[in-house]
Protein backbone atom coordinates (compact mmCIF):
# COMPACT_ATOMS: atom_id res chain seq x y z
CA MET A 1 77.85 44.77 56.40
CA THR A 2 78.23 43.78 60.05
CA TYR A 3 77.68 40.23 61.23
CA LYS A 4 76.85 39.07 64.71
CA ILE A 5 78.66 36.40 66.69
CA ASN A 6 76.19 33.71 67.75
CA SER A 7 78.30 31.25 69.71
CA GLU A 8 81.44 30.98 71.78
CA GLU A 9 83.01 28.96 68.99
CA GLU A 10 82.43 31.82 66.53
CA TYR A 11 83.80 34.26 69.10
CA LEU A 12 87.00 32.21 69.44
CA GLN A 13 87.39 32.11 65.66
CA VAL A 14 86.95 35.87 65.43
CA MET A 15 89.49 36.42 68.21
CA GLU A 16 91.97 34.12 66.45
CA LYS A 17 91.65 36.23 63.29
CA VAL A 18 91.97 39.48 65.29
CA GLU A 19 95.09 38.12 67.00
CA SER A 20 96.68 37.19 63.67
CA TYR A 21 96.10 40.72 62.33
CA LEU A 22 97.49 42.27 65.52
CA GLN A 23 100.58 40.06 65.40
CA ARG A 24 101.21 41.03 61.78
CA ALA A 25 100.80 44.70 62.65
CA THR A 26 103.13 44.56 65.67
CA SER A 27 105.81 42.55 63.89
CA GLY A 28 105.66 44.82 60.84
CA ALA A 29 105.45 48.57 60.49
CA GLY A 30 102.32 48.88 62.58
CA PHE A 31 98.87 48.98 61.08
CA GLN A 32 100.31 50.39 57.85
CA SER A 33 101.58 46.85 57.17
CA LEU A 34 97.92 45.87 56.73
CA ASN A 35 96.15 46.91 53.55
CA HIS A 36 92.90 48.87 53.66
CA GLU A 37 90.68 45.78 53.42
CA GLU A 38 92.57 44.03 56.24
CA ARG A 39 92.36 47.09 58.48
CA GLU A 40 88.63 47.32 57.81
CA GLU A 41 88.14 43.61 58.52
CA LEU A 42 90.11 43.99 61.77
CA ARG A 43 87.88 46.91 62.75
CA GLN A 44 84.70 44.94 62.00
CA LEU A 45 85.93 41.83 63.79
CA SER A 46 86.89 43.91 66.83
CA LEU A 47 83.43 45.49 66.95
CA MET A 48 81.79 42.07 66.67
CA ALA A 49 83.95 40.68 69.49
CA GLU A 50 83.22 43.71 71.67
CA ALA A 51 79.46 43.32 71.10
CA TRP A 52 79.70 39.62 72.06
CA GLU A 53 81.70 40.44 75.21
CA ASP A 54 79.24 43.17 76.22
CA ASP A 55 76.41 40.61 76.11
CA ILE A 56 78.14 38.22 78.51
CA PRO A 57 76.33 38.52 81.85
CA LEU A 58 78.51 39.50 84.77
CA MET A 59 78.69 37.38 87.86
CA PRO A 60 75.88 38.55 90.13
CA ILE A 61 76.93 40.61 93.12
CA LYS A 62 75.62 39.37 96.45
CA GLN A 63 72.91 41.75 97.55
CA PRO A 64 72.65 42.67 101.24
CA GLN A 65 69.88 40.74 102.98
CA THR A 66 69.84 42.60 106.28
CA ILE A 67 70.15 46.18 107.49
CA ILE A 68 73.53 45.33 109.00
CA GLU A 69 74.81 43.91 105.70
CA MET A 70 73.58 47.04 103.92
CA ILE A 71 75.31 49.31 106.45
CA GLU A 72 78.51 47.27 106.04
CA LEU A 73 78.26 47.61 102.26
CA LYS A 74 77.84 51.38 102.55
CA MET A 75 80.82 51.53 104.93
CA TYR A 76 82.90 49.56 102.41
CA GLU A 77 81.82 51.74 99.48
CA ARG A 78 82.73 54.92 101.36
CA LYS A 79 85.82 53.43 103.02
CA LEU A 80 84.45 54.29 106.46
CA LYS A 81 85.47 52.79 109.76
CA GLN A 82 82.75 52.22 112.32
CA LYS A 83 83.80 55.28 114.34
CA ASP A 84 83.64 57.43 111.17
CA LEU A 85 80.17 56.09 110.41
CA ALA A 86 79.01 56.86 113.95
CA LYS A 87 80.17 60.45 113.49
CA LEU A 88 78.49 60.70 110.07
CA LEU A 89 75.21 59.37 111.48
CA GLY A 90 75.45 61.54 114.59
CA VAL A 91 75.32 58.66 117.06
CA SER A 92 77.75 57.42 119.67
CA GLU A 93 80.22 54.73 118.73
CA SER A 94 78.79 52.46 121.43
CA ARG A 95 75.22 52.85 120.12
CA LEU A 96 76.33 52.05 116.58
CA SER A 97 78.32 49.08 117.86
CA GLU A 98 75.26 47.72 119.67
CA ILE A 99 73.14 48.11 116.52
CA MET A 100 75.78 46.41 114.36
CA LYS A 101 75.95 43.47 116.81
CA GLY A 102 72.16 43.16 116.93
CA LYS A 103 71.99 44.11 120.61
CA ARG A 104 69.96 47.25 119.93
CA SER A 105 67.11 47.66 117.48
CA ILE A 106 66.84 50.40 114.92
CA ASN A 107 64.42 53.20 115.78
CA MET A 108 62.75 55.62 113.37
CA ASP A 109 65.32 58.36 114.01
CA PHE A 110 68.21 56.02 113.16
CA ALA A 111 66.34 54.71 110.09
CA GLN A 112 65.96 58.27 108.83
CA ARG A 113 69.68 58.86 109.30
CA LEU A 114 70.41 55.72 107.27
CA TYR A 115 68.26 57.11 104.48
CA TYR A 116 69.56 60.69 104.52
CA LYS A 117 73.24 60.00 105.20
CA LEU A 118 73.78 56.64 103.46
CA GLN A 119 70.98 56.74 100.86
CA ILE A 120 69.61 53.37 101.97
CA GLU A 121 66.19 53.03 100.39
CA PRO A 122 63.26 53.44 102.82
CA LYS A 123 61.58 50.34 101.40
CA PHE A 124 64.65 48.25 102.20
CA ILE A 125 64.80 49.67 105.73
CA LEU A 126 61.10 49.00 106.37
CA GLU A 127 61.27 45.45 105.03
CA LYS A 128 64.40 44.51 106.97
CA VAL A 129 63.95 46.22 110.32
CA ASN A 130 62.95 43.86 113.14
């Protein structure tokens, strides 16, 4: 029968028990130094701890709020420099630079390139374009 961890305190108790079994196993002849019941309890405790850890929410990732932030995120994900991105999008480096600095607005042609080449969602583009 499997139990569920319901609090951080229970989780810490389970991890303490897991640690004691692991220390016994590593100081002895491996897991053979544990009897069948102990090995089974270690397995169950490990599964319970893993389930608890999987339910811990991750720190939220900052979502891009502007087209420029989204382009920068895509550049980071693909490890692209601005000149590489310009080539990928089929625009001049100076045009891309002006767009990235907010000196030039994004036209429909450029928006389509963002969608097709960088997979930026059309809805995001439409909501964020000036």
